[in-house]
N, C-alpha and C. Protein backbone atom coordinates (compact mmCIF):
# COMPACT_ATOMS: atom_id res chain seq x y z
N MET A 1 -9.29 -61.88 182.14
CA MET A 1 -8.67 -61.99 180.85
C MET A 1 -9.48 -61.15 179.86
N ASP A 2 -8.75 -60.36 179.07
CA ASP A 2 -9.41 -59.52 178.07
C ASP A 2 -9.31 -60.18 176.71
N VAL A 3 -10.45 -60.39 176.08
CA VAL A 3 -10.51 -60.96 174.74
C VAL A 3 -11.12 -59.91 173.82
N THR A 4 -10.43 -59.63 172.72
CA THR A 4 -10.93 -58.67 171.75
C THR A 4 -11.17 -59.40 170.44
N LEU A 5 -12.37 -59.24 169.91
CA LEU A 5 -12.73 -59.80 168.61
C LEU A 5 -12.62 -58.66 167.60
N LEU A 6 -11.62 -58.74 166.73
CA LEU A 6 -11.46 -57.76 165.66
C LEU A 6 -12.16 -58.29 164.42
N TYR A 7 -12.89 -57.41 163.74
CA TYR A 7 -13.64 -57.85 162.56
C TYR A 7 -13.86 -56.67 161.62
N PHE A 8 -14.28 -56.98 160.40
CA PHE A 8 -14.78 -55.96 159.51
C PHE A 8 -16.06 -56.46 158.86
N GLU A 9 -16.90 -55.53 158.50
CA GLU A 9 -18.25 -55.88 158.05
C GLU A 9 -18.28 -56.71 156.78
N GLY A 10 -17.22 -56.68 155.97
CA GLY A 10 -17.21 -57.41 154.71
C GLY A 10 -17.10 -58.92 154.85
N CYS A 11 -16.91 -59.40 156.06
CA CYS A 11 -16.75 -60.84 156.28
C CYS A 11 -17.72 -61.31 157.35
N PRO A 12 -18.64 -62.20 157.02
CA PRO A 12 -19.66 -62.63 157.98
C PRO A 12 -19.16 -63.61 159.03
N ASN A 13 -17.97 -64.17 158.86
CA ASN A 13 -17.49 -65.21 159.78
C ASN A 13 -17.28 -64.72 161.20
N TRP A 14 -17.13 -63.41 161.38
CA TRP A 14 -16.91 -62.89 162.73
C TRP A 14 -18.11 -63.19 163.63
N LYS A 15 -19.30 -63.28 163.04
CA LYS A 15 -20.50 -63.53 163.84
C LYS A 15 -20.45 -64.93 164.48
N THR A 16 -19.91 -65.89 163.75
CA THR A 16 -19.76 -67.24 164.29
C THR A 16 -18.77 -67.22 165.46
N ALA A 17 -17.64 -66.55 165.27
CA ALA A 17 -16.64 -66.45 166.34
C ALA A 17 -17.24 -65.72 167.55
N ASP A 18 -18.01 -64.68 167.29
CA ASP A 18 -18.64 -63.92 168.37
C ASP A 18 -19.59 -64.80 169.18
N GLU A 19 -20.40 -65.59 168.51
CA GLU A 19 -21.33 -66.48 169.20
C GLU A 19 -20.58 -67.50 170.06
N ARG A 20 -19.50 -68.04 169.53
CA ARG A 20 -18.73 -69.03 170.27
C ARG A 20 -18.03 -68.40 171.47
N LEU A 21 -17.47 -67.22 171.28
CA LEU A 21 -16.82 -66.52 172.40
C LEU A 21 -17.84 -66.16 173.48
N ALA A 22 -19.02 -65.70 173.07
CA ALA A 22 -20.06 -65.35 174.04
C ALA A 22 -20.48 -66.56 174.86
N ALA A 23 -20.60 -67.71 174.22
CA ALA A 23 -20.98 -68.93 174.94
C ALA A 23 -19.90 -69.33 175.94
N ILE A 24 -18.64 -69.20 175.56
CA ILE A 24 -17.55 -69.53 176.47
C ILE A 24 -17.52 -68.54 177.63
N ALA A 25 -17.62 -67.24 177.31
CA ALA A 25 -17.54 -66.19 178.33
C ALA A 25 -18.70 -66.26 179.31
N ALA A 26 -19.84 -66.79 178.88
CA ALA A 26 -21.00 -66.89 179.78
C ALA A 26 -20.69 -67.75 180.99
N GLY A 27 -19.81 -68.72 180.82
CA GLY A 27 -19.44 -69.59 181.93
C GLY A 27 -18.12 -69.23 182.58
N ARG A 28 -17.53 -68.13 182.12
CA ARG A 28 -16.22 -67.73 182.64
C ARG A 28 -16.25 -66.26 183.05
N PRO A 29 -16.55 -65.95 184.30
CA PRO A 29 -16.62 -64.56 184.73
C PRO A 29 -15.29 -63.82 184.66
N ASP A 30 -14.19 -64.55 184.48
CA ASP A 30 -12.87 -63.93 184.37
C ASP A 30 -12.58 -63.41 182.96
N ILE A 31 -13.50 -63.66 182.01
CA ILE A 31 -13.29 -63.25 180.62
C ILE A 31 -14.19 -62.08 180.28
N THR A 32 -13.59 -61.03 179.71
CA THR A 32 -14.34 -59.90 179.18
C THR A 32 -14.12 -59.88 177.68
N VAL A 33 -15.20 -59.93 176.90
CA VAL A 33 -15.09 -59.92 175.44
C VAL A 33 -15.49 -58.54 174.92
N THR A 34 -14.61 -57.98 174.09
CA THR A 34 -14.86 -56.69 173.45
C THR A 34 -14.84 -56.91 171.94
N ARG A 35 -15.72 -56.25 171.24
CA ARG A 35 -15.75 -56.32 169.79
C ARG A 35 -15.23 -55.01 169.23
N ARG A 36 -14.37 -55.10 168.21
CA ARG A 36 -13.82 -53.88 167.60
C ARG A 36 -13.90 -53.99 166.09
N LEU A 37 -14.62 -53.06 165.50
CA LEU A 37 -14.76 -52.98 164.05
C LEU A 37 -13.52 -52.33 163.47
N VAL A 38 -12.90 -52.97 162.48
CA VAL A 38 -11.75 -52.42 161.77
C VAL A 38 -12.27 -51.93 160.43
N GLU A 39 -12.09 -50.64 160.15
CA GLU A 39 -12.74 -50.05 158.98
C GLU A 39 -11.81 -49.65 157.84
N THR A 40 -10.52 -49.44 158.12
CA THR A 40 -9.63 -48.98 157.07
C THR A 40 -8.37 -49.83 157.02
N VAL A 41 -7.67 -49.77 155.88
CA VAL A 41 -6.41 -50.48 155.73
C VAL A 41 -5.39 -49.94 156.72
N ASP A 42 -5.37 -48.62 156.90
CA ASP A 42 -4.44 -48.02 157.87
C ASP A 42 -4.68 -48.56 159.28
N GLU A 43 -5.96 -48.65 159.66
CA GLU A 43 -6.30 -49.18 160.98
C GLU A 43 -5.89 -50.65 161.08
N ALA A 44 -6.10 -51.40 160.01
CA ALA A 44 -5.70 -52.82 159.99
C ALA A 44 -4.20 -52.96 160.20
N GLU A 45 -3.43 -52.12 159.53
CA GLU A 45 -1.98 -52.18 159.68
C GLU A 45 -1.56 -51.77 161.09
N GLN A 46 -2.17 -50.73 161.63
CA GLN A 46 -1.84 -50.26 162.97
C GLN A 46 -2.13 -51.34 164.02
N LEU A 47 -3.24 -52.06 163.86
CA LEU A 47 -3.65 -53.08 164.83
C LEU A 47 -3.00 -54.45 164.56
N ARG A 48 -2.26 -54.56 163.43
CA ARG A 48 -1.73 -55.86 163.00
C ARG A 48 -2.88 -56.85 162.85
N PHE A 49 -3.93 -56.38 162.15
CA PHE A 49 -5.16 -57.14 161.94
C PHE A 49 -4.92 -58.20 160.86
N HIS A 50 -4.99 -59.46 161.26
CA HIS A 50 -4.71 -60.57 160.36
C HIS A 50 -5.95 -61.12 159.67
N GLY A 51 -6.97 -60.31 159.54
CA GLY A 51 -8.20 -60.73 158.88
C GLY A 51 -9.32 -60.97 159.86
N SER A 52 -10.51 -61.03 159.31
CA SER A 52 -11.72 -61.15 160.11
C SER A 52 -12.21 -62.59 160.12
N PRO A 53 -12.45 -63.12 161.30
CA PRO A 53 -12.28 -62.54 162.63
C PRO A 53 -10.87 -62.81 163.17
N SER A 54 -10.36 -61.89 163.97
CA SER A 54 -9.12 -62.10 164.71
C SER A 54 -9.46 -62.05 166.19
N ILE A 55 -8.88 -62.95 166.94
CA ILE A 55 -9.15 -63.03 168.37
C ILE A 55 -7.87 -62.70 169.13
N LEU A 56 -7.91 -61.60 169.88
CA LEU A 56 -6.77 -61.21 170.70
C LEU A 56 -7.04 -61.61 172.14
N VAL A 57 -6.08 -62.26 172.76
CA VAL A 57 -6.17 -62.64 174.17
C VAL A 57 -5.13 -61.80 174.90
N ASP A 58 -5.61 -60.91 175.75
CA ASP A 58 -4.74 -59.96 176.45
C ASP A 58 -3.79 -59.26 175.48
N GLY A 59 -4.34 -58.86 174.32
CA GLY A 59 -3.60 -58.07 173.33
C GLY A 59 -2.83 -58.85 172.29
N ALA A 60 -2.68 -60.15 172.44
CA ALA A 60 -1.93 -60.96 171.49
C ALA A 60 -2.87 -61.81 170.64
N ASP A 61 -2.61 -61.86 169.33
CA ASP A 61 -3.42 -62.67 168.43
C ASP A 61 -3.21 -64.14 168.78
N ALA A 62 -4.27 -64.79 169.18
CA ALA A 62 -4.20 -66.17 169.67
C ALA A 62 -3.94 -67.19 168.57
N PHE A 63 -4.10 -66.80 167.30
CA PHE A 63 -3.99 -67.77 166.21
C PHE A 63 -3.03 -67.36 165.10
N ALA A 64 -2.37 -66.22 165.21
CA ALA A 64 -1.49 -65.75 164.15
C ALA A 64 -0.15 -66.47 164.18
N ASP A 65 0.41 -66.65 163.01
CA ASP A 65 1.78 -67.12 162.92
C ASP A 65 2.55 -66.10 162.07
N ALA A 66 3.82 -66.30 161.92
CA ALA A 66 4.67 -65.32 161.24
C ALA A 66 4.23 -65.04 159.81
N GLY A 67 3.60 -66.00 159.15
CA GLY A 67 3.22 -65.83 157.76
C GLY A 67 1.83 -65.27 157.53
N THR A 68 1.10 -64.97 158.58
CA THR A 68 -0.26 -64.48 158.44
C THR A 68 -0.25 -63.03 157.97
N ALA A 69 -0.90 -62.76 156.85
CA ALA A 69 -0.91 -61.42 156.27
C ALA A 69 -1.77 -60.46 157.11
N VAL A 70 -1.45 -59.17 156.99
CA VAL A 70 -2.21 -58.12 157.66
C VAL A 70 -3.07 -57.43 156.60
N GLY A 71 -4.34 -57.14 156.95
CA GLY A 71 -5.20 -56.42 156.01
C GLY A 71 -6.67 -56.73 156.20
N LEU A 72 -7.48 -56.05 155.39
CA LEU A 72 -8.93 -56.25 155.43
C LEU A 72 -9.29 -57.43 154.55
N SER A 73 -9.37 -58.59 155.15
CA SER A 73 -9.71 -59.81 154.42
C SER A 73 -10.42 -60.76 155.37
N CYS A 74 -11.04 -61.77 154.79
CA CYS A 74 -11.61 -62.83 155.61
C CYS A 74 -10.47 -63.77 155.99
N ARG A 75 -10.46 -64.18 157.21
CA ARG A 75 -9.41 -65.05 157.71
C ARG A 75 -9.87 -66.49 157.64
N VAL A 76 -8.93 -67.40 157.44
CA VAL A 76 -9.23 -68.83 157.38
C VAL A 76 -8.46 -69.52 158.50
N TYR A 77 -9.13 -70.43 159.18
CA TYR A 77 -8.55 -71.18 160.29
C TYR A 77 -8.49 -72.66 159.94
N GLN A 78 -7.40 -73.30 160.33
CA GLN A 78 -7.29 -74.75 160.20
C GLN A 78 -7.99 -75.36 161.40
N THR A 79 -9.01 -76.18 161.14
CA THR A 79 -9.75 -76.85 162.20
C THR A 79 -9.65 -78.37 161.97
N PRO A 80 -10.06 -79.16 162.94
CA PRO A 80 -10.04 -80.61 162.73
C PRO A 80 -10.88 -81.07 161.53
N ALA A 81 -11.88 -80.29 161.16
CA ALA A 81 -12.74 -80.64 160.03
C ALA A 81 -12.26 -80.00 158.72
N GLY A 82 -11.11 -79.33 158.74
CA GLY A 82 -10.59 -78.65 157.56
C GLY A 82 -10.63 -77.15 157.75
N LEU A 83 -10.47 -76.41 156.65
CA LEU A 83 -10.46 -74.96 156.73
C LEU A 83 -11.85 -74.42 157.05
N ALA A 84 -11.88 -73.38 157.90
CA ALA A 84 -13.15 -72.76 158.30
C ALA A 84 -12.93 -71.27 158.51
N GLY A 85 -14.02 -70.54 158.54
CA GLY A 85 -13.96 -69.09 158.70
C GLY A 85 -13.82 -68.62 160.13
N ALA A 86 -13.86 -69.54 161.09
CA ALA A 86 -13.70 -69.19 162.50
C ALA A 86 -13.15 -70.41 163.23
N PRO A 87 -12.42 -70.18 164.33
CA PRO A 87 -11.96 -71.33 165.12
C PRO A 87 -13.15 -72.06 165.74
N THR A 88 -12.96 -73.33 166.01
CA THR A 88 -14.01 -74.10 166.69
C THR A 88 -14.09 -73.65 168.14
N THR A 89 -15.17 -74.02 168.79
CA THR A 89 -15.32 -73.73 170.21
C THR A 89 -14.16 -74.34 170.99
N GLU A 90 -13.78 -75.55 170.65
CA GLU A 90 -12.69 -76.22 171.34
C GLU A 90 -11.36 -75.49 171.14
N GLN A 91 -11.11 -74.98 169.93
CA GLN A 91 -9.88 -74.22 169.68
C GLN A 91 -9.88 -72.92 170.48
N LEU A 92 -11.02 -72.27 170.56
CA LEU A 92 -11.11 -71.04 171.34
C LEU A 92 -10.90 -71.33 172.82
N GLU A 93 -11.51 -72.38 173.33
CA GLU A 93 -11.32 -72.75 174.73
C GLU A 93 -9.85 -73.03 175.03
N ALA A 94 -9.17 -73.70 174.12
CA ALA A 94 -7.74 -74.01 174.32
C ALA A 94 -6.92 -72.72 174.32
N ALA A 95 -7.22 -71.79 173.41
CA ALA A 95 -6.50 -70.52 173.35
C ALA A 95 -6.74 -69.72 174.61
N LEU A 96 -7.95 -69.74 175.14
CA LEU A 96 -8.27 -68.98 176.36
C LEU A 96 -7.66 -69.65 177.59
N ALA A 97 -7.46 -70.94 177.55
CA ALA A 97 -6.82 -71.62 178.68
C ALA A 97 -5.36 -71.22 178.79
N LEU A 98 -4.76 -70.85 177.66
CA LEU A 98 -3.35 -70.43 177.65
C LEU A 98 -3.19 -68.98 178.05
N GLY A 99 -4.28 -68.19 177.90
CA GLY A 99 -4.19 -66.75 178.15
C GLY A 99 -4.09 -66.38 179.59
């Protein structure tokens, strides 16, 4: 399974998502995690980048819905503890189980 972490430097939350993905991938040899820096608005539009961090599982955004905006912004995730800058480890594990 290919997992791509899309991010931009203006938002620090990608580091939390990266740490969580790395911990999950350490126990899952079937997962390859790639990090991709998104630097321009044009690139964000081309990639359908829904904010930093975005997690793609085999090319599909694992957490986007129809109303999620595209652009260079920090992304917010609904978690059991409320809004957060990255999905929880449990949410990531569930998304990867579906991939």
